[in-house]
Amino acid sequence: MTKHYILQLDPSAKYEWDRCSLRDPITADRPEFAGLIAQAVGELPGSYLVSVKIEVQVLEQAAPQSQRELPPISELSSELATRVPVLQGRVA
């Protein structure tokens, strides 16, 4: 059984449980591993000694929002200054 999850590591998160979170990419639910293992053994009543193998393969990595590269404010303001006269000419 292969399942896909989004792992988010945020050491500066306000709450400890948000510093390392694992979520379903579609529903955003946190995985309930006991239920997944119960499905794997057929959900028949009884006690089971199980071995669980976790294999992690990173499919894609995205930088946190705060670490994404943004142009310096000076570049944005100079670009805005060059566009404002063009926009004002269109309105008039």
PDB file of N, CA and C in Angstrom:
ATOM      1  N   MET A   1       0.858  -1.166   0.000  1.00  0.00           N
ATOM      2  CA  MET A   1       0.000   0.000   0.000  1.00  0.00           C
ATOM      3  C   MET A   1       0.910   1.237   0.000  1.00  0.00           C
ATOM      4  N   THR A   2       0.747   2.091  -0.969  1.00  0.00           N
ATOM      5  CA  THR A   2       1.524   3.325  -1.043  1.00  0.00           C
ATOM      6  C   THR A   2       0.604   4.505  -0.767  1.00  0.00           C
ATOM      7  N   LYS A   3       0.990   5.316   0.174  1.00  0.00           N
ATOM      8  CA  LYS A   3       0.233   6.523   0.522  1.00  0.00           C
ATOM      9  C   LYS A   3       1.149   7.723   0.328  1.00  0.00           C
ATOM     10  N   HIS A   4       0.572   8.845  -0.033  1.00  0.00           N
ATOM     11  CA  HIS A   4       1.341  10.068  -0.207  1.00  0.00           C
ATOM     12  C   HIS A   4       0.904  11.088   0.837  1.00  0.00           C
ATOM     13  N   TYR A   5       1.883  11.761   1.426  1.00  0.00           N
ATOM     14  CA  TYR A   5       1.618  12.771   2.443  1.00  0.00           C
ATOM     15  C   TYR A   5       2.512  13.975   2.202  1.00  0.00           C
ATOM     16  N   ILE A   6       2.126  15.098   2.768  1.00  0.00           N
ATOM     17  CA  ILE A   6       2.961  16.293   2.751  1.00  0.00           C
ATOM     18  C   ILE A   6       3.554  16.447   4.144  1.00  0.00           C
ATOM     19  N   LEU A   7       4.872  16.472   4.204  1.00  0.00           N
ATOM     20  CA  LEU A   7       5.588  16.685   5.460  1.00  0.00           C
ATOM     21  C   LEU A   7       5.989  18.145   5.515  1.00  0.00           C
ATOM     22  N   GLN A   8       5.614  18.821   6.597  1.00  0.00           N
ATOM     23  CA  GLN A   8       5.997  20.216   6.756  1.00  0.00           C
ATOM     24  C   GLN A   8       6.810  20.348   8.029  1.00  0.00           C
ATOM     25  N   LEU A   9       8.022  20.876   7.893  1.00  0.00           N
ATOM     26  CA  LEU A   9       8.908  21.121   9.022  1.00  0.00           C
ATOM     27  C   LEU A   9       9.027  22.626   9.206  1.00  0.00           C
ATOM     28  N   ASP A  10       8.613  23.106  10.368  1.00  0.00           N
ATOM     29  CA  ASP A  10       8.655  24.540  10.656  1.00  0.00           C
ATOM     30  C   ASP A  10       9.120  24.736  12.096  1.00  0.00           C
ATOM     31  N   PRO A  11      10.445  24.835  12.317  1.00  0.00           N
ATOM     32  CA  PRO A  11      10.962  24.959  13.678  1.00  0.00           C
ATOM     33  C   PRO A  11      10.484  26.217  14.399  1.00  0.00           C
ATOM     34  N   SER A  12      10.014  27.219  13.672  1.00  0.00           N
ATOM     35  CA  SER A  12       9.566  28.455  14.313  1.00  0.00           C
ATOM     36  C   SER A  12       8.050  28.510  14.497  1.00  0.00           C
ATOM     37  N   ALA A  13       7.353  27.392  14.291  1.00  0.00           N
ATOM     38  CA  ALA A  13       5.892  27.371  14.455  1.00  0.00           C
ATOM     39  C   ALA A  13       5.518  27.696  15.900  1.00  0.00           C
ATOM     40  N   LYS A  14       4.381  28.322  16.069  1.00  0.00           N
ATOM     41  CA  LYS A  14       3.932  28.743  17.398  1.00  0.00           C
ATOM     42  C   LYS A  14       3.708  27.545  18.326  1.00  0.00           C
ATOM     43  N   TYR A  15       3.106  26.491  17.798  1.00  0.00           N
ATOM     44  CA  TYR A  15       2.799  25.325  18.617  1.00  0.00           C
ATOM     45  C   TYR A  15       3.709  24.163  18.252  1.00  0.00           C
ATOM     46  N   GLU A  16       4.083  23.383  19.245  1.00  0.00           N
ATOM     47  CA  GLU A  16       5.004  22.270  19.034  1.00  0.00           C
ATOM     48  C   GLU A  16       4.471  21.270  18.009  1.00  0.00           C
ATOM     49  N   TRP A  17       3.168  20.996  18.022  1.00  0.00           N
ATOM     50  CA  TRP A  17       2.607  19.997  17.098  1.00  0.00           C
ATOM     51  C   TRP A  17       2.602  20.482  15.649  1.00  0.00           C
ATOM     52  N   ASP A  18       2.810  21.772  15.418  1.00  0.00           N
ATOM     53  CA  ASP A  18       2.895  22.287  14.052  1.00  0.00           C
ATOM     54  C   ASP A  18       4.330  22.367  13.542  1.00  0.00           C
ATOM     55  N   ARG A  19       5.300  22.053  14.398  1.00  0.00           N
ATOM     56  CA  ARG A  19       6.700  22.127  13.971  1.00  0.00           C
ATOM     57  C   ARG A  19       7.066  20.991  13.032  1.00  0.00           C
ATOM     58  N   CYS A  20       6.390  19.885  13.171  1.00  0.00           N
ATOM     59  CA  CYS A  20       6.592  18.740  12.283  1.00  0.00           C
ATOM     60  C   CYS A  20       5.218  18.129  12.047  1.00  0.00           C
ATOM     61  N   SER A  21       4.660  18.344  10.859  1.00  0.00           N
ATOM     62  CA  SER A  21       3.317  17.826  10.602  1.00  0.00           C
ATOM     63  C   SER A  21       3.295  17.028   9.309  1.00  0.00           C
ATOM     64  N   LEU A  22       2.462  16.010   9.319  1.00  0.00           N
ATOM     65  CA  LEU A  22       2.278  15.132   8.172  1.00  0.00           C
ATOM     66  C   LEU A  22       0.804  15.202   7.802  1.00  0.00           C
ATOM     67  N   ARG A  23       0.512  15.513   6.542  1.00  0.00           N
ATOM     68  CA  ARG A  23      -0.878  15.705   6.126  1.00  0.00           C
ATOM     69  C   ARG A  23      -1.159  15.034   4.795  1.00  0.00           C
ATOM     70  N   ASP A  24      -2.417  14.646   4.614  1.00  0.00           N
ATOM     71  CA  ASP A  24      -2.883  14.123   3.340  1.00  0.00           C
ATOM     72  C   ASP A  24      -2.913  15.290   2.351  1.00  0.00           C
ATOM     73  N   PRO A  25      -2.353  15.141   1.145  1.00  0.00           N
ATOM     74  CA  PRO A  25      -2.296  16.270   0.214  1.00  0.00           C
ATOM     75  C   PRO A  25      -3.658  16.724  -0.317  1.00  0.00           C
ATOM     76  N   ILE A  26      -4.671  15.878  -0.240  1.00  0.00           N
ATOM     77  CA  ILE A  26      -5.989  16.242  -0.766  1.00  0.00           C
ATOM     78  C   ILE A  26      -6.912  16.745   0.336  1.00  0.00           C
ATOM     79  N   THR A  27      -6.977  16.016   1.454  1.00  0.00           N
ATOM     80  CA  THR A  27      -7.914  16.375   2.519  1.00  0.00           C
ATOM     81  C   THR A  27      -7.286  17.202   3.632  1.00  0.00           C
ATOM     82  N   ALA A  28      -5.957  17.250   3.699  1.00  0.00           N
ATOM     83  CA  ALA A  28      -5.193  17.930   4.755  1.00  0.00           C
ATOM     84  C   ALA A  28      -5.363  17.254   6.114  1.00  0.00           C
ATOM     85  N   ASP A  29      -5.968  16.061   6.139  1.00  0.00           N
ATOM     86  CA  ASP A  29      -6.090  15.315   7.391  1.00  0.00           C
ATOM     87  C   ASP A  29      -4.737  14.755   7.793  1.00  0.00           C
ATOM     88  N   ARG A  30      -4.551  14.606   9.103  1.00  0.00           N
ATOM     89  CA  ARG A  30      -3.348  13.946   9.599  1.00  0.00           C
ATOM     90  C   ARG A  30      -3.580  12.439   9.504  1.00  0.00           C
ATOM     91  N   PRO A  31      -2.572  11.696   9.067  1.00  0.00           N
ATOM     92  CA  PRO A  31      -2.778  10.256   8.892  1.00  0.00           C
ATOM     93  C   PRO A  31      -2.987   9.544  10.228  1.00  0.00           C
ATOM     94  N   GLU A  32      -3.834   8.552  10.217  1.00  0.00           N
ATOM     95  CA  GLU A  32      -4.109   7.737  11.392  1.00  0.00           C
ATOM     96  C   GLU A  32      -3.525   6.367  11.087  1.00  0.00           C
ATOM     97  N   PHE A  33      -2.282   6.160  11.534  1.00  0.00           N
ATOM     98  CA  PHE A  33      -1.552   4.967  11.132  1.00  0.00           C
ATOM     99  C   PHE A  33      -2.165   3.669  11.655  1.00  0.00           C
ATOM    100  N   ALA A  34      -2.783   3.683  12.819  1.00  0.00           N
ATOM    101  CA  ALA A  34      -3.406   2.458  13.331  1.00  0.00           C
ATOM    102  C   ALA A  34      -4.507   1.991  12.381  1.00  0.00           C
ATOM    103  N   GLY A  35      -5.281   2.925  11.843  1.00  0.00           N
ATOM    104  CA  GLY A  35      -6.334   2.573  10.889  1.00  0.00           C
ATOM    105  C   GLY A  35      -5.774   2.016   9.595  1.00  0.00           C
ATOM    106  N   LEU A  36      -4.670   2.595   9.119  1.00  0.00           N
ATOM    107  CA  LEU A  36      -4.034   2.093   7.898  1.00  0.00           C
ATOM    108  C   LEU A  36      -3.502   0.680   8.093  1.00  0.00           C
ATOM    109  N   ILE A  37      -2.919   0.424   9.265  1.00  0.00           N
ATOM    110  CA  ILE A  37      -2.390  -0.917   9.549  1.00  0.00           C
ATOM    111  C   ILE A  37      -3.539  -1.908   9.697  1.00  0.00           C
ATOM    112  N   ALA A  38      -4.643  -1.476  10.315  1.00  0.00           N
ATOM    113  CA  ALA A  38      -5.813  -2.349  10.446  1.00  0.00           C
ATOM    114  C   ALA A  38      -6.346  -2.742   9.073  1.00  0.00           C
ATOM    115  N   GLN A  39      -6.355  -1.811   8.130  1.00  0.00           N
ATOM    116  CA  GLN A  39      -6.781  -2.134   6.762  1.00  0.00           C
ATOM    117  C   GLN A  39      -5.857  -3.178   6.151  1.00  0.00           C
ATOM    118  N   ALA A  40      -4.567  -3.055   6.416  1.00  0.00           N
ATOM    119  CA  ALA A  40      -3.587  -3.974   5.829  1.00  0.00           C
ATOM    120  C   ALA A  40      -3.752  -5.399   6.341  1.00  0.00           C
ATOM    121  N   VAL A  41      -4.223  -5.575   7.588  1.00  0.00           N
ATOM    122  CA  VAL A  41      -4.413  -6.929   8.120  1.00  0.00           C
ATOM    123  C   VAL A  41      -5.846  -7.414   7.932  1.00  0.00           C
ATOM    124  N   GLY A  42      -6.660  -6.637   7.252  1.00  0.00           N
ATOM    125  CA  GLY A  42      -8.017  -7.076   6.948  1.00  0.00           C
ATOM    126  C   GLY A  42      -9.050  -6.688   7.979  1.00  0.00           C
ATOM    127  N   GLU A  43      -8.690  -5.926   8.979  1.00  0.00           N
ATOM    128  CA  GLU A  43      -9.599  -5.442  10.014  1.00  0.00           C
ATOM    129  C   GLU A  43     -10.340  -6.566  10.741  1.00  0.00           C
ATOM    130  N   LEU A  44      -9.726  -7.735  10.815  1.00  0.00           N
ATOM    131  CA  LEU A  44     -10.320  -8.852  11.555  1.00  0.00           C
ATOM    132  C   LEU A  44      -9.997  -8.703  13.038  1.00  0.00           C
ATOM    133  N   PRO A  45     -10.949  -9.044  13.931  1.00  0.00           N
ATOM    134  CA  PRO A  45     -10.690  -8.921  15.371  1.00  0.00           C
ATOM    135  C   PRO A  45      -9.507  -9.781  15.793  1.00  0.00           C
ATOM    136  N   GLY A  46      -8.775  -9.318  16.783  1.00  0.00           N
ATOM    137  CA  GLY A  46      -7.637 -10.065  17.309  1.00  0.00           C
ATOM    138  C   GLY A  46      -6.473  -9.145  17.597  1.00  0.00           C
ATOM    139  N   SER A  47      -5.434  -9.728  18.146  1.00  0.00           N
ATOM    140  CA  SER A  47      -4.204  -8.987  18.422  1.00  0.00           C
ATOM    141  C   SER A  47      -3.157  -9.424  17.427  1.00  0.00           C
ATOM    142  N   TYR A  48      -2.399  -8.507  16.939  1.00  0.00           N
ATOM    143  CA  TYR A  48      -1.406  -8.793  15.908  1.00  0.00           C
ATOM    144  C   TYR A  48      -0.057  -8.214  16.311  1.00  0.00           C
ATOM    145  N   LEU A  49       0.980  -8.987  16.101  1.00  0.00           N
ATOM    146  CA  LEU A  49       2.329  -8.454  16.172  1.00  0.00           C
ATOM    147  C   LEU A  49       2.675  -8.102  14.734  1.00  0.00           C
ATOM    148  N   VAL A  50       2.880  -6.827  14.461  1.00  0.00           N
ATOM    149  CA  VAL A  50       3.106  -6.404  13.083  1.00  0.00           C
ATOM    150  C   VAL A  50       4.468  -5.731  12.950  1.00  0.00           C
ATOM    151  N   SER A  51       4.990  -5.832  11.773  1.00  0.00           N
ATOM    152  CA  SER A  51       6.203  -5.112  11.411  1.00  0.00           C
ATOM    153  C   SER A  51       5.793  -4.056  10.393  1.00  0.00           C
ATOM    154  N   VAL A  52       6.194  -2.838  10.634  1.00  0.00           N
ATOM    155  CA  VAL A  52       5.830  -1.741   9.746  1.00  0.00           C
ATOM    156  C   VAL A  52       7.112  -1.161   9.168  1.00  0.00           C
ATOM    157  N   LYS A  53       7.182  -1.149   7.852  1.00  0.00           N
ATOM    158  CA  LYS A  53       8.350  -0.603   7.167  1.00  0.00           C
ATOM    159  C   LYS A  53       7.954   0.744   6.575  1.00  0.00           C
ATOM    160  N   ILE A  54       8.695   1.769   6.928  1.00  0.00           N
ATOM    161  CA  ILE A  54       8.436   3.094   6.376  1.00  0.00           C
ATOM    162  C   ILE A  54       9.581   3.436   5.437  1.00  0.00           C
ATOM    163  N   GLU A  55       9.245   3.661   4.194  1.00  0.00           N
ATOM    164  CA  GLU A  55      10.231   4.061   3.192  1.00  0.00           C
ATOM    165  C   GLU A  55       9.852   5.456   2.722  1.00  0.00           C
ATOM    166  N   VAL A  56      10.760   6.386   2.868  1.00  0.00           N
ATOM    167  CA  VAL A  56      10.477   7.773   2.513  1.00  0.00           C
ATOM    168  C   VAL A  56      11.225   8.136   1.243  1.00  0.00           C
ATOM    169  N   GLN A  57      10.499   8.678   0.292  1.00  0.00           N
ATOM    170  CA  GLN A  57      11.084   9.154  -0.959  1.00  0.00           C
ATOM    171  C   GLN A  57      10.564  10.569  -1.188  1.00  0.00           C
ATOM    172  N   VAL A  58      11.465  11.545  -1.231  1.00  0.00           N
ATOM    173  CA  VAL A  58      11.063  12.933  -1.456  1.00  0.00           C
ATOM    174  C   VAL A  58      10.718  13.094  -2.931  1.00  0.00           C
ATOM    175  N   LEU A  59       9.480  13.470  -3.216  1.00  0.00           N
ATOM    176  CA  LEU A  59       9.023  13.652  -4.591  1.00  0.00           C
ATOM    177  C   LEU A  59       9.180  15.092  -5.056  1.00  0.00           C
ATOM    178  N   GLU A  60       9.049  16.035  -4.134  1.00  0.00           N
ATOM    179  CA  GLU A  60       9.169  17.456  -4.468  1.00  0.00           C
ATOM    180  C   GLU A  60       9.448  18.215  -3.189  1.00  0.00           C
ATOM    181  N   GLN A  61      10.250  19.260  -3.272  1.00  0.00           N
ATOM    182  CA  GLN A  61      10.531  20.088  -2.103  1.00  0.00           C
ATOM    183  C   GLN A  61      10.234  21.535  -2.443  1.00  0.00           C
ATOM    184  N   ALA A  62       9.503  22.203  -1.564  1.00  0.00           N
ATOM    185  CA  ALA A  62       9.180  23.616  -1.752  1.00  0.00           C
ATOM    186  C   ALA A  62       9.726  24.393  -0.564  1.00  0.00           C
ATOM    187  N   ALA A  63      10.286  25.556  -0.828  1.00  0.00           N
ATOM    188  CA  ALA A  63      10.814  26.402   0.242  1.00  0.00           C
ATOM    189  C   ALA A  63       9.659  26.980   1.048  1.00  0.00           C
ATOM    190  N   PRO A  64       9.873  27.197   2.340  1.00  0.00           N
ATOM    191  CA  PRO A  64       8.829  27.838   3.149  1.00  0.00           C
ATOM    192  C   PRO A  64       8.524  29.230   2.614  1.00  0.00           C
ATOM    193  N   GLN A  65       7.327  29.709   2.872  1.00  0.00           N
ATOM    194  CA  GLN A  65       6.902  31.021   2.385  1.00  0.00           C
ATOM    195  C   GLN A  65       7.897  32.110   2.762  1.00  0.00           C
ATOM    196  N   SER A  66       8.412  32.083   3.987  1.00  0.00           N
ATOM    197  CA  SER A  66       9.295  33.152   4.445  1.00  0.00           C
ATOM    198  C   SER A  66      10.661  33.108   3.776  1.00  0.00           C
ATOM    199  N   GLN A  67      11.048  31.993   3.162  1.00  0.00           N
ATOM    200  CA  GLN A  67      12.361  31.872   2.558  1.00  0.00           C
ATOM    201  C   GLN A  67      12.341  32.046   1.045  1.00  0.00           C
ATOM    202  N   ARG A  68      11.209  32.262   0.464  1.00  0.00           N
ATOM    203  CA  ARG A  68      11.153  32.439  -0.984  1.00  0.00           C
ATOM    204  C   ARG A  68      11.781  33.770  -1.358  1.00  0.00           C
ATOM    205  N   GLU A  69      12.474  33.771  -2.461  1.00  0.00           N
ATOM    206  CA  GLU A  69      13.183  34.963  -2.913  1.00  0.00           C
ATOM    207  C   GLU A  69      12.205  35.988  -3.484  1.00  0.00           C
ATOM    208  N   LEU A  70      12.268  37.194  -2.970  1.00  0.00           N
ATOM    209  CA  LEU A  70      11.481  38.299  -3.489  1.00  0.00           C
ATOM    210  C   LEU A  70      12.439  39.388  -3.941  1.00  0.00           C
ATOM    211  N   PRO A  71      12.087  40.136  -4.975  1.00  0.00           N
ATOM    212  CA  PRO A  71      12.975  41.216  -5.407  1.00  0.00           C
ATOM    213  C   PRO A  71      13.052  42.292  -4.330  1.00  0.00           C
ATOM    214  N   PRO A  72      14.178  42.988  -4.247  1.00  0.00           N
ATOM    215  CA  PRO A  72      14.300  44.069  -3.259  1.00  0.00           C
ATOM    216  C   PRO A  72      13.249  45.150  -3.507  1.00  0.00           C
ATOM    217  N   ILE A  73      12.850  45.823  -2.440  1.00  0.00           N
ATOM    218  CA  ILE A  73      11.842  46.882  -2.524  1.00  0.00           C
ATOM    219  C   ILE A  73      12.273  47.960  -3.514  1.00  0.00           C
ATOM    220  N   SER A  74      13.568  48.275  -3.563  1.00  0.00           N
ATOM    221  CA  SER A  74      14.041  49.321  -4.477  1.00  0.00           C
ATOM    222  C   SER A  74      13.719  48.963  -5.928  1.00  0.00           C
ATOM    223  N   GLU A  75      13.845  47.676  -6.279  1.00  0.00           N
ATOM    224  CA  GLU A  75      13.505  47.257  -7.643  1.00  0.00           C
ATOM    225  C   GLU A  75      12.014  47.409  -7.904  1.00  0.00           C
ATOM    226  N   LEU A  76      11.203  47.028  -6.922  1.00  0.00           N
ATOM    227  CA  LEU A  76       9.753  47.126  -7.093  1.00  0.00           C
ATOM    228  C   LEU A  76       9.312  48.576  -7.234  1.00  0.00           C
ATOM    229  N   SER A  77       9.855  49.469  -6.394  1.00  0.00           N
ATOM    230  CA  SER A  77       9.419  50.863  -6.453  1.00  0.00           C
ATOM    231  C   SER A  77       9.875  51.532  -7.745  1.00  0.00           C
ATOM    232  N   SER A  78      11.080  51.188  -8.253  1.00  0.00           N
ATOM    233  CA  SER A  78      11.524  51.789  -9.516  1.00  0.00           C
ATOM    234  C   SER A  78      10.687  51.263 -10.680  1.00  0.00           C
ATOM    235  N   GLU A  79      10.306  49.984 -10.629  1.00  0.00           N
ATOM    236  CA  GLU A  79       9.455  49.422 -11.682  1.00  0.00           C
ATOM    237  C   GLU A  79       8.070  50.058 -11.637  1.00  0.00           C
ATOM    238  N   LEU A  80       7.553  50.265 -10.437  1.00  0.00           N
ATOM    239  CA  LEU A  80       6.241  50.890 -10.280  1.00  0.00           C
ATOM    240  C   LEU A  80       6.267  52.322 -10.812  1.00  0.00           C
ATOM    241  N   ALA A  81       7.348  53.044 -10.541  1.00  0.00           N
ATOM    242  CA  ALA A  81       7.456  54.435 -10.995  1.00  0.00           C
ATOM    243  C   ALA A  81       7.443  54.514 -12.521  1.00  0.00           C
ATOM    244  N   THR A  82       8.027  53.535 -13.186  1.00  0.00           N
ATOM    245  CA  THR A  82       8.032  53.564 -14.650  1.00  0.00           C
ATOM    246  C   THR A  82       6.677  53.182 -15.227  1.00  0.00           C
ATOM    247  N   ARG A  83       5.887  52.414 -14.501  1.00  0.00           N
ATOM    248  CA  ARG A  83       4.588  51.978 -15.017  1.00  0.00           C
ATOM    249  C   ARG A  83       3.461  52.958 -14.718  1.00  0.00           C
ATOM    250  N   VAL A  84       3.568  53.728 -13.647  1.00  0.00           N
ATOM    251  CA  VAL A  84       2.484  54.624 -13.251  1.00  0.00           C
ATOM    252  C   VAL A  84       2.152  55.630 -14.348  1.00  0.00           C
ATOM    253  N   PRO A  85       3.126  56.319 -14.975  1.00  0.00           N
ATOM    254  CA  PRO A  85       2.756  57.254 -16.047  1.00  0.00           C
ATOM    255  C   PRO A  85       2.037  56.564 -17.202  1.00  0.00           C
ATOM    256  N   VAL A  86       2.418  55.341 -17.520  1.00  0.00           N
ATOM    257  CA  VAL A  86       1.762  54.611 -18.605  1.00  0.00           C
ATOM    258  C   VAL A  86       0.304  54.360 -18.257  1.00  0.00           C
ATOM    259  N   LEU A  87       0.053  53.956 -17.033  1.00  0.00           N
ATOM    260  CA  LEU A  87      -1.323  53.691 -16.603  1.00  0.00           C
ATOM    261  C   LEU A  87      -2.137  54.975 -16.552  1.00  0.00           C
ATOM    262  N   GLN A  88      -1.523  56.072 -16.080  1.00  0.00           N
ATOM    263  CA  GLN A  88      -2.255  57.338 -16.004  1.00  0.00           C
ATOM    264  C   GLN A  88      -2.640  57.823 -17.395  1.00  0.00           C
ATOM    265  N   GLY A  89      -1.782  57.600 -18.390  1.00  0.00           N
ATOM    266  CA  GLY A  89      -2.085  58.005 -19.756  1.00  0.00           C
ATOM    267  C   GLY A  89      -3.268  57.243 -20.322  1.00  0.00           C
ATOM    268  N   ARG A  90      -3.431  55.999 -19.909  1.00  0.00           N
ATOM    269  CA  ARG A  90      -4.551  55.183 -20.411  1.00  0.00           C
ATOM    270  C   ARG A  90      -5.878  55.610 -19.804  1.00  0.00           C
ATOM    271  N   VAL A  91      -5.847  56.073 -18.566  1.00  0.00           N
ATOM    272  CA  VAL A  91      -7.076  56.473 -17.881  1.00  0.00           C
ATOM    273  C   VAL A  91      -7.594  57.786 -18.448  1.00  0.00           C
ATOM    274  N   ALA A  92      -6.712  58.701 -18.785  1.00  0.00           N
ATOM    275  CA  ALA A  92      -7.105  60.041 -19.243  1.00  0.00           C
ATOM    276  C   ALA A  92      -7.776  60.035 -20.587  1.00  0.00           C
TER     277      ALA A  92
END
